[in-house]
PDB file of N, CA and C in Angstrom:
ATOM      1  N   MET A   1      -4.683 -21.539   2.381  1.00  0.00           N
ATOM      2  CA  MET A   1      -4.031 -20.830   1.537  1.00  0.00           C
ATOM      3  C   MET A   1      -2.778 -20.578   2.177  1.00  0.00           C
ATOM      4  N   LYS A   2      -1.928 -20.986   1.041  1.00  0.00           N
ATOM      5  CA  LYS A   2      -0.480 -20.869   1.461  1.00  0.00           C
ATOM      6  C   LYS A   2       0.039 -19.726   0.861  1.00  0.00           C
ATOM      7  N   LEU A   3       0.504 -18.845   1.558  1.00  0.00           N
ATOM      8  CA  LEU A   3       1.317 -17.683   1.138  1.00  0.00           C
ATOM      9  C   LEU A   3       2.363 -17.682   2.093  1.00  0.00           C
ATOM     10  N   LYS A   4       3.619 -16.667   1.683  1.00  0.00           N
ATOM     11  CA  LYS A   4       4.289 -16.284   2.400  1.00  0.00           C
ATOM     12  C   LYS A   4       3.959 -14.939   3.470  1.00  0.00           C
ATOM     13  N   GLU A   5       4.581 -14.551   4.329  1.00  0.00           N
ATOM     14  CA  GLU A   5       4.403 -13.120   5.047  1.00  0.00           C
ATOM     15  C   GLU A   5       4.637 -11.969   4.023  1.00  0.00           C
ATOM     16  N   LYS A   6       5.330 -12.052   3.314  1.00  0.00           N
ATOM     17  CA  LYS A   6       5.705 -11.190   2.315  1.00  0.00           C
ATOM     18  C   LYS A   6       4.595 -10.727   1.063  1.00  0.00           C
ATOM     19  N   GLU A   7       4.025 -12.133   1.097  1.00  0.00           N
ATOM     20  CA  GLU A   7       3.022 -12.146  -0.294  1.00  0.00           C
ATOM     21  C   GLU A   7       1.660 -11.595   0.694  1.00  0.00           C
ATOM     22  N   PHE A   8       1.398 -11.618   1.921  1.00  0.00           N
ATOM     23  CA  PHE A   8       0.245 -11.037   2.394  1.00  0.00           C
ATOM     24  C   PHE A   8       0.591  -9.726   2.592  1.00  0.00           C
ATOM     25  N   GLU A   9       1.495  -9.052   2.854  1.00  0.00           N
ATOM     26  CA  GLU A   9       1.803  -7.778   2.828  1.00  0.00           C
ATOM     27  C   GLU A   9       1.710  -7.257   1.538  1.00  0.00           C
ATOM     28  N   GLU A  10       1.954  -7.813   0.356  1.00  0.00           N
ATOM     29  CA  GLU A  10       1.473  -7.425  -0.978  1.00  0.00           C
ATOM     30  C   GLU A  10       0.143  -7.125  -1.098  1.00  0.00           C
ATOM     31  N   ILE A  11      -0.134  -8.194  -0.758  1.00  0.00           N
ATOM     32  CA  ILE A  11      -1.814  -8.401  -0.905  1.00  0.00           C
ATOM     33  C   ILE A  11      -2.797  -7.268   0.059  1.00  0.00           C
ATOM     34  N   THR A  12      -2.386  -7.257   1.041  1.00  0.00           N
ATOM     35  CA  THR A  12      -3.109  -6.105   1.864  1.00  0.00           C
ATOM     36  C   THR A  12      -2.773  -4.729   1.339  1.00  0.00           C
ATOM     37  N   GLN A  13      -1.664  -4.699   0.690  1.00  0.00           N
ATOM     38  CA  GLN A  13      -1.531  -2.989  -0.012  1.00  0.00           C
ATOM     39  C   GLN A  13      -2.370  -3.074  -1.108  1.00  0.00           C
ATOM     40  N   GLN A  14      -2.285  -3.925  -1.872  1.00  0.00           N
ATOM     41  CA  GLN A  14      -3.419  -4.059  -3.375  1.00  0.00           C
ATOM     42  C   GLN A  14      -4.779  -3.884  -2.687  1.00  0.00           C
ATOM     43  N   LEU A  15      -5.336  -4.718  -1.896  1.00  0.00           N
ATOM     44  CA  LEU A  15      -6.515  -4.335  -0.978  1.00  0.00           C
ATOM     45  C   LEU A  15      -6.792  -2.997  -0.498  1.00  0.00           C
ATOM     46  N   LYS A  16      -5.995  -2.567   0.241  1.00  0.00           N
ATOM     47  CA  LYS A  16      -5.851  -0.981   0.571  1.00  0.00           C
ATOM     48  C   LYS A  16      -6.016  -0.244  -0.437  1.00  0.00           C
ATOM     49  N   GLU A  17      -5.371  -0.211  -1.522  1.00  0.00           N
ATOM     50  CA  GLU A  17      -5.349   0.583  -2.556  1.00  0.00           C
ATOM     51  C   GLU A  17      -7.126   0.414  -3.203  1.00  0.00           C
ATOM     52  N   LEU A  18      -7.436  -1.037  -3.650  1.00  0.00           N
ATOM     53  CA  LEU A  18      -8.608  -0.920  -3.808  1.00  0.00           C
ATOM     54  C   LEU A  18      -9.707  -0.243  -3.092  1.00  0.00           C
ATOM     55  N   ALA A  19      -9.733  -0.580  -1.796  1.00  0.00           N
ATOM     56  CA  ALA A  19     -10.528  -0.164  -0.744  1.00  0.00           C
ATOM     57  C   ALA A  19     -10.955   1.760  -1.009  1.00  0.00           C
ATOM     58  N   VAL A  20      -9.451   2.137  -1.071  1.00  0.00           N
ATOM     59  CA  VAL A  20      -9.679   3.633  -1.560  1.00  0.00           C
ATOM     60  C   VAL A  20      -9.986   3.982  -2.684  1.00  0.00           C
ATOM     61  N   GLN A  21      -9.588   3.421  -3.989  1.00  0.00           N
ATOM     62  CA  GLN A  21     -10.645   3.620  -5.103  1.00  0.00           C
ATOM     63  C   GLN A  21     -11.921   3.368  -4.934  1.00  0.00           C
ATOM     64  N   LEU A  22     -12.396   2.602  -3.940  1.00  0.00           N
ATOM     65  CA  LEU A  22     -13.989   2.399  -3.931  1.00  0.00           C
ATOM     66  C   LEU A  22     -14.472   3.607  -3.023  1.00  0.00           C
ATOM     67  N   GLY A  23     -13.738   4.492  -2.749  1.00  0.00           N
ATOM     68  CA  GLY A  23     -14.137   5.687  -1.785  1.00  0.00           C
ATOM     69  C   GLY A  23     -14.050   5.349  -0.243  1.00  0.00           C
ATOM     70  N   ALA A  24     -13.387   3.962   0.226  1.00  0.00           N
ATOM     71  CA  ALA A  24     -13.816   3.730   1.702  1.00  0.00           C
ATOM     72  C   ALA A  24     -11.894   4.364   1.812  1.00  0.00           C
ATOM     73  N   THR A  25     -12.311   4.720   3.501  1.00  0.00           N
ATOM     74  CA  THR A  25     -11.047   4.916   4.218  1.00  0.00           C
ATOM     75  C   THR A  25     -10.384   4.037   5.012  1.00  0.00           C
ATOM     76  N   VAL A  26      -9.353   3.523   4.835  1.00  0.00           N
ATOM     77  CA  VAL A  26      -8.739   2.466   5.466  1.00  0.00           C
ATOM     78  C   VAL A  26      -7.999   3.096   6.582  1.00  0.00           C
ATOM     79  N   ARG A  27      -8.483   2.546   7.876  1.00  0.00           N
ATOM     80  CA  ARG A  27      -7.699   3.197   9.155  1.00  0.00           C
ATOM     81  C   ARG A  27      -7.109   1.732  10.068  1.00  0.00           C
ATOM     82  N   PHE A  28      -5.853   2.136  10.538  1.00  0.00           N
ATOM     83  CA  PHE A  28      -5.321   1.082  11.339  1.00  0.00           C
ATOM     84  C   PHE A  28      -5.134   1.491  12.830  1.00  0.00           C
ATOM     85  N   GLU A  29      -5.810   0.920  13.613  1.00  0.00           N
ATOM     86  CA  GLU A  29      -6.014   1.487  15.302  1.00  0.00           C
ATOM     87  C   GLU A  29      -5.522   0.393  16.105  1.00  0.00           C
ATOM     88  N   LYS A  30      -4.988   1.007  17.115  1.00  0.00           N
ATOM     89  CA  LYS A  30      -4.737  -0.005  18.331  1.00  0.00           C
ATOM     90  C   LYS A  30      -6.328  -0.041  19.030  1.00  0.00           C
ATOM     91  N   GLY A  31      -6.679  -1.624  19.546  1.00  0.00           N
ATOM     92  CA  GLY A  31      -7.677  -1.489  20.326  1.00  0.00           C
ATOM     93  C   GLY A  31      -7.816  -2.864  20.757  1.00  0.00           C
ATOM     94  N   ASP A  32      -9.181  -3.276  21.344  1.00  0.00           N
ATOM     95  CA  ASP A  32      -9.744  -4.507  21.856  1.00  0.00           C
ATOM     96  C   ASP A  32     -10.712  -5.018  20.624  1.00  0.00           C
ATOM     97  N   PHE A  33     -10.087  -5.053  19.569  1.00  0.00           N
ATOM     98  CA  PHE A  33     -11.421  -5.365  18.293  1.00  0.00           C
ATOM     99  C   PHE A  33     -10.504  -6.034  17.146  1.00  0.00           C
ATOM    100  N   LYS A  34     -11.395  -6.631  16.323  1.00  0.00           N
ATOM    101  CA  LYS A  34     -10.946  -6.915  14.934  1.00  0.00           C
ATOM    102  C   LYS A  34     -10.867  -6.385  13.773  1.00  0.00           C
ATOM    103  N   GLY A  35     -11.842  -5.906  13.792  1.00  0.00           N
ATOM    104  CA  GLY A  35     -11.738  -4.752  12.690  1.00  0.00           C
ATOM    105  C   GLY A  35     -12.877  -5.200  11.772  1.00  0.00           C
ATOM    106  N   GLY A  36     -13.150  -4.108  10.555  1.00  0.00           N
ATOM    107  CA  GLY A  36     -13.954  -4.207   9.695  1.00  0.00           C
ATOM    108  C   GLY A  36     -14.832  -3.117   9.231  1.00  0.00           C
ATOM    109  N   TYR A  37     -15.583  -3.217   8.172  1.00  0.00           N
ATOM    110  CA  TYR A  37     -16.052  -2.262   7.419  1.00  0.00           C
ATOM    111  C   TYR A  37     -17.675  -1.530   8.406  1.00  0.00           C
ATOM    112  N   CYS A  38     -17.508  -0.057   8.136  1.00  0.00           N
ATOM    113  CA  CYS A  38     -18.727   0.398   9.136  1.00  0.00           C
ATOM    114  C   CYS A  38     -18.925   1.650   8.179  1.00  0.00           C
ATOM    115  N   ILE A  39     -19.920   2.464   8.401  1.00  0.00           N
ATOM    116  CA  ILE A  39     -20.070   3.783   7.922  1.00  0.00           C
ATOM    117  C   ILE A  39     -20.145   4.633   9.058  1.00  0.00           C
ATOM    118  N   VAL A  40     -19.291   5.912   9.085  1.00  0.00           N
ATOM    119  CA  VAL A  40     -19.312   7.037   9.762  1.00  0.00           C
ATOM    120  C   VAL A  40     -19.395   8.112   9.119  1.00  0.00           C
ATOM    121  N   LYS A  41     -20.545   8.716   9.737  1.00  0.00           N
ATOM    122  CA  LYS A  41     -21.059  10.099   9.188  1.00  0.00           C
ATOM    123  C   LYS A  41     -21.131   9.710   7.550  1.00  0.00           C
ATOM    124  N   GLU A  42     -21.741   9.089   6.958  1.00  0.00           N
ATOM    125  CA  GLU A  42     -21.860   8.857   5.840  1.00  0.00           C
ATOM    126  C   GLU A  42     -20.861   8.349   4.894  1.00  0.00           C
ATOM    127  N   SER A  43     -19.521   8.372   5.395  1.00  0.00           N
ATOM    128  CA  SER A  43     -18.587   7.772   4.974  1.00  0.00           C
ATOM    129  C   SER A  43     -18.265   6.482   4.941  1.00  0.00           C
ATOM    130  N   SER A  44     -17.595   5.626   4.082  1.00  0.00           N
ATOM    131  CA  SER A  44     -17.149   4.327   4.242  1.00  0.00           C
ATOM    132  C   SER A  44     -15.740   4.094   4.852  1.00  0.00           C
ATOM    133  N   VAL A  45     -15.802   3.459   6.136  1.00  0.00           N
ATOM    134  CA  VAL A  45     -14.468   3.172   6.698  1.00  0.00           C
ATOM    135  C   VAL A  45     -14.010   1.630   6.969  1.00  0.00           C
ATOM    136  N   ILE A  46     -12.966   1.427   6.822  1.00  0.00           N
ATOM    137  CA  ILE A  46     -12.434   0.141   7.287  1.00  0.00           C
ATOM    138  C   ILE A  46     -11.310   0.195   8.157  1.00  0.00           C
ATOM    139  N   VAL A  47     -11.856  -0.360   9.485  1.00  0.00           N
ATOM    140  CA  VAL A  47     -10.732  -0.266  10.175  1.00  0.00           C
ATOM    141  C   VAL A  47     -10.263  -1.796  10.744  1.00  0.00           C
ATOM    142  N   ILE A  48      -8.892  -1.626  10.878  1.00  0.00           N
ATOM    143  CA  ILE A  48      -8.533  -2.739  11.320  1.00  0.00           C
ATOM    144  C   ILE A  48      -7.415  -2.563  12.477  1.00  0.00           C
ATOM    145  N   ASN A  49      -7.513  -3.624  13.270  1.00  0.00           N
ATOM    146  CA  ASN A  49      -6.372  -3.507  14.351  1.00  0.00           C
ATOM    147  C   ASN A  49      -5.161  -3.492  14.034  1.00  0.00           C
ATOM    148  N   LYS A  50      -4.528  -2.319  14.276  1.00  0.00           N
ATOM    149  CA  LYS A  50      -2.824  -2.553  13.683  1.00  0.00           C
ATOM    150  C   LYS A  50      -1.957  -3.635  14.337  1.00  0.00           C
ATOM    151  N   LEU A  51      -2.570  -4.055  15.409  1.00  0.00           N
ATOM    152  CA  LEU A  51      -1.432  -5.138  16.150  1.00  0.00           C
ATOM    153  C   LEU A  51      -1.890  -6.496  15.499  1.00  0.00           C
ATOM    154  N   ALA A  52      -3.086  -6.579  14.550  1.00  0.00           N
ATOM    155  CA  ALA A  52      -3.177  -8.013  13.812  1.00  0.00           C
ATOM    156  C   ALA A  52      -1.888  -8.413  12.971  1.00  0.00           C
ATOM    157  N   ASN A  53      -1.887  -9.579  13.055  1.00  0.00           N
ATOM    158  CA  ASN A  53      -0.827 -10.091  12.041  1.00  0.00           C
ATOM    159  C   ASN A  53      -1.270  -9.765  10.707  1.00  0.00           C
ATOM    160  N   THR A  54      -0.604  -9.882   9.915  1.00  0.00           N
ATOM    161  CA  THR A  54      -0.454  -9.707   8.195  1.00  0.00           C
ATOM    162  C   THR A  54      -1.344 -10.362   7.379  1.00  0.00           C
ATOM    163  N   GLN A  55      -1.620 -11.536   7.970  1.00  0.00           N
ATOM    164  CA  GLN A  55      -2.612 -12.397   7.255  1.00  0.00           C
ATOM    165  C   GLN A  55      -3.983 -11.962   7.766  1.00  0.00           C
ATOM    166  N   ARG A  56      -4.149 -11.689   9.141  1.00  0.00           N
ATOM    167  CA  ARG A  56      -5.597 -11.043   9.757  1.00  0.00           C
ATOM    168  C   ARG A  56      -5.734  -9.659   8.708  1.00  0.00           C
ATOM    169  N   LYS A  57      -5.075  -8.835   8.881  1.00  0.00           N
ATOM    170  CA  LYS A  57      -5.248  -7.722   8.114  1.00  0.00           C
ATOM    171  C   LYS A  57      -6.011  -7.928   6.557  1.00  0.00           C
ATOM    172  N   ALA A  58      -5.102  -8.961   6.286  1.00  0.00           N
ATOM    173  CA  ALA A  58      -5.488  -9.125   4.733  1.00  0.00           C
ATOM    174  C   ALA A  58      -7.054  -9.671   4.448  1.00  0.00           C
ATOM    175  N   ILE A  59      -6.947 -10.746   5.680  1.00  0.00           N
ATOM    176  CA  ILE A  59      -8.483 -11.325   5.914  1.00  0.00           C
ATOM    177  C   ILE A  59      -9.654 -10.093   6.254  1.00  0.00           C
ATOM    178  N   ILE A  60      -9.209  -9.203   7.207  1.00  0.00           N
ATOM    179  CA  ILE A  60     -10.397  -7.874   7.414  1.00  0.00           C
ATOM    180  C   ILE A  60     -10.846  -6.867   5.963  1.00  0.00           C
ATOM    181  N   LEU A  61      -9.673  -6.724   5.440  1.00  0.00           N
ATOM    182  CA  LEU A  61      -9.604  -6.030   4.453  1.00  0.00           C
ATOM    183  C   LEU A  61     -10.412  -6.764   2.946  1.00  0.00           C
ATOM    184  N   ALA A  62     -10.338  -7.771   2.893  1.00  0.00           N
ATOM    185  CA  ALA A  62     -11.061  -9.167   1.694  1.00  0.00           C
ATOM    186  C   ALA A  62     -12.645  -8.596   2.290  1.00  0.00           C
ATOM    187  N   THR A  63     -12.861  -9.116   3.329  1.00  0.00           N
ATOM    188  CA  THR A  63     -14.433  -9.497   3.825  1.00  0.00           C
ATOM    189  C   THR A  63     -14.868  -7.839   3.696  1.00  0.00           C
ATOM    190  N   ALA A  64     -14.153  -6.978   3.920  1.00  0.00           N
ATOM    191  CA  ALA A  64     -14.750  -5.678   3.784  1.00  0.00           C
ATOM    192  C   ALA A  64     -15.064  -5.317   2.305  1.00  0.00           C
ATOM    193  N   LEU A  65     -14.154  -5.663   1.976  1.00  0.00           N
ATOM    194  CA  LEU A  65     -14.405  -4.993   0.289  1.00  0.00           C
ATOM    195  C   LEU A  65     -15.416  -5.630  -0.227  1.00  0.00           C
ATOM    196  N   LYS A  66     -15.734  -7.336   0.084  1.00  0.00           N
ATOM    197  CA  LYS A  66     -16.726  -7.945  -0.309  1.00  0.00           C
ATOM    198  C   LYS A  66     -18.030  -7.059   0.211  1.00  0.00           C
ATOM    199  N   GLU A  67     -18.067  -6.679   1.288  1.00  0.00           N
ATOM    200  CA  GLU A  67     -19.310  -5.805   1.942  1.00  0.00           C
ATOM    201  C   GLU A  67     -19.510  -4.666   0.929  1.00  0.00           C
ATOM    202  N   LEU A  68     -18.291  -3.995   0.531  1.00  0.00           N
ATOM    203  CA  LEU A  68     -18.206  -2.663  -0.061  1.00  0.00           C
ATOM    204  C   LEU A  68     -19.233  -3.372  -1.637  1.00  0.00           C
ATOM    205  N   GLY A  69     -18.865  -4.353  -2.045  1.00  0.00           N
ATOM    206  CA  GLY A  69     -19.275  -4.600  -3.260  1.00  0.00           C
ATOM    207  C   GLY A  69     -18.022  -4.542  -4.370  1.00  0.00           C
ATOM    208  N   VAL A  70     -17.346  -5.639  -4.398  1.00  0.00           N
ATOM    209  CA  VAL A  70     -16.279  -5.571  -5.530  1.00  0.00           C
ATOM    210  C   VAL A  70     -16.894  -6.352  -6.834  1.00  0.00           C
ATOM    211  N   ASP A  71     -17.864  -7.334  -6.932  1.00  0.00           N
ATOM    212  CA  ASP A  71     -18.504  -7.914  -8.016  1.00  0.00           C
ATOM    213  C   ASP A  71     -18.692  -6.888  -9.370  1.00  0.00           C
ATOM    214  N   ASN A  72     -18.724  -5.917  -9.255  1.00  0.00           N
ATOM    215  CA  ASN A  72     -18.915  -5.024 -10.774  1.00  0.00           C
ATOM    216  C   ASN A  72     -17.634  -4.392 -10.919  1.00  0.00           C
ATOM    217  N   VAL A  73     -16.713  -4.707 -10.061  1.00  0.00           N
ATOM    218  CA  VAL A  73     -15.492  -4.026 -10.156  1.00  0.00           C
ATOM    219  C   VAL A  73     -14.117  -4.827 -10.845  1.00  0.00           C
ATOM    220  N   TYR A  74     -13.352  -4.365 -11.892  1.00  0.00           N
ATOM    221  CA  TYR A  74     -12.510  -5.424 -12.449  1.00  0.00           C
ATOM    222  C   TYR A  74     -11.368  -5.629 -11.635  1.00  0.00           C
ATOM    223  N   LEU A  75     -11.249  -6.717 -11.511  1.00  0.00           N
ATOM    224  CA  LEU A  75     -10.058  -7.264 -10.630  1.00  0.00           C
ATOM    225  C   LEU A  75      -9.261  -8.328 -11.070  1.00  0.00           C
ATOM    226  N   THR A  76      -7.957  -8.229 -11.163  1.00  0.00           N
ATOM    227  CA  THR A  76      -7.210  -9.390 -11.859  1.00  0.00           C
ATOM    228  C   THR A  76      -8.008 -10.793 -11.188  1.00  0.00           C
ATOM    229  N   PRO A  77      -7.719 -11.757 -12.119  1.00  0.00           N
ATOM    230  CA  PRO A  77      -8.359 -12.945 -11.449  1.00  0.00           C
ATOM    231  C   PRO A  77      -7.711 -13.496 -10.335  1.00  0.00           C
ATOM    232  N   LYS A  78      -6.444 -13.264 -10.085  1.00  0.00           N
ATOM    233  CA  LYS A  78      -6.102 -13.688  -9.012  1.00  0.00           C
ATOM    234  C   LYS A  78      -6.210 -13.218  -7.555  1.00  0.00           C
ATOM    235  N   LEU A  79      -6.282 -11.991  -7.704  1.00  0.00           N
ATOM    236  CA  LEU A  79      -6.983 -10.950  -6.731  1.00  0.00           C
ATOM    237  C   LEU A  79      -8.607 -11.263  -6.046  1.00  0.00           C
ATOM    238  N   ARG A  80      -9.374 -11.358  -7.469  1.00  0.00           N
ATOM    239  CA  ARG A  80     -10.725 -11.856  -6.917  1.00  0.00           C
ATOM    240  C   ARG A  80     -10.628 -13.331  -6.356  1.00  0.00           C
ATOM    241  N   GLU A  81      -9.720 -14.037  -6.768  1.00  0.00           N
ATOM    242  CA  GLU A  81      -9.632 -15.410  -6.036  1.00  0.00           C
ATOM    243  C   GLU A  81      -9.191 -15.435  -4.464  1.00  0.00           C
ATOM    244  N   ILE A  82      -8.104 -14.591  -4.425  1.00  0.00           N
ATOM    245  CA  ILE A  82      -7.625 -14.276  -3.091  1.00  0.00           C
ATOM    246  C   ILE A  82      -8.739 -14.050  -2.144  1.00  0.00           C
ATOM    247  N   ILE A  83      -9.607 -12.840  -2.682  1.00  0.00           N
ATOM    248  CA  ILE A  83     -10.630 -12.003  -1.814  1.00  0.00           C
ATOM    249  C   ILE A  83     -11.471 -13.107  -1.372  1.00  0.00           C
ATOM    250  N   SER A  84     -11.964 -13.729  -2.490  1.00  0.00           N
ATOM    251  CA  SER A  84     -13.042 -15.078  -2.289  1.00  0.00           C
ATOM    252  C   SER A  84     -12.298 -16.182  -1.075  1.00  0.00           C
ATOM    253  N   GLU A  85     -11.180 -16.421  -1.373  1.00  0.00           N
ATOM    254  CA  GLU A  85     -10.607 -17.321  -0.319  1.00  0.00           C
ATOM    255  C   GLU A  85     -10.575 -17.066   1.052  1.00  0.00           C
ATOM    256  N   MET A  86     -10.156 -15.681   1.156  1.00  0.00           N
ATOM    257  CA  MET A  86     -10.242 -14.899   2.479  1.00  0.00           C
ATOM    258  C   MET A  86     -11.551 -14.767   3.156  1.00  0.00           C
ATOM    259  N   VAL A  87     -12.347 -14.456   2.135  1.00  0.00           N
ATOM    260  CA  VAL A  87     -13.755 -14.426   2.931  1.00  0.00           C
ATOM    261  C   VAL A  87     -14.474 -15.809   3.370  1.00  0.00           C
ATOM    262  N   GLU A  88     -14.032 -17.109   2.669  1.00  0.00           N
ATOM    263  CA  GLU A  88     -14.379 -17.971   3.130  1.00  0.00           C
ATOM    264  C   GLU A  88     -13.669 -18.597   4.468  1.00  0.00           C
ATOM    265  N   VAL A  89     -12.557 -18.257   4.670  1.00  0.00           N
ATOM    266  CA  VAL A  89     -11.575 -18.009   5.776  1.00  0.00           C
ATOM    267  C   VAL A  89     -12.067 -17.425   6.874  1.00  0.00           C
ATOM    268  N   GLU A  90     -12.683 -16.565   6.803  1.00  0.00           N
ATOM    269  CA  GLU A  90     -13.289 -15.414   7.837  1.00  0.00           C
ATOM    270  C   GLU A  90     -14.745 -16.221   8.247  1.00  0.00           C
ATOM    271  N   ASP A  91     -15.324 -16.531   7.336  1.00  0.00           N
ATOM    272  CA  ASP A  91     -16.860 -17.180   7.662  1.00  0.00           C
ATOM    273  C   ASP A  91     -16.609 -18.459   8.387  1.00  0.00           C
ATOM    274  N   LYS A  92     -15.528 -19.300   8.210  1.00  0.00           N
ATOM    275  CA  LYS A  92     -15.675 -20.527   8.880  1.00  0.00           C
ATOM    276  C   LYS A  92     -15.181 -20.479  10.548  1.00  0.00           C
TER     277      LYS A  92
END
């Protein structure tokens, strides 16, 4: 996927907004972890290492959203394609 840093920032913001719409809390924390989706006290939480680069943050968000279930949510075709591509990158 050939995107510029600025594009990854915009995508990360869009993915974060989507996560909030789906009822998840997105937290950026420091630590020795990659990040991902989890459930804390019956609340959906996506934790992302704030020291990760912008591309990595977007990939973590996309993967977490896939786990949350975006198949039945309206997304622009471009955003749906980006999520699919990022999840493929994560799976490799």
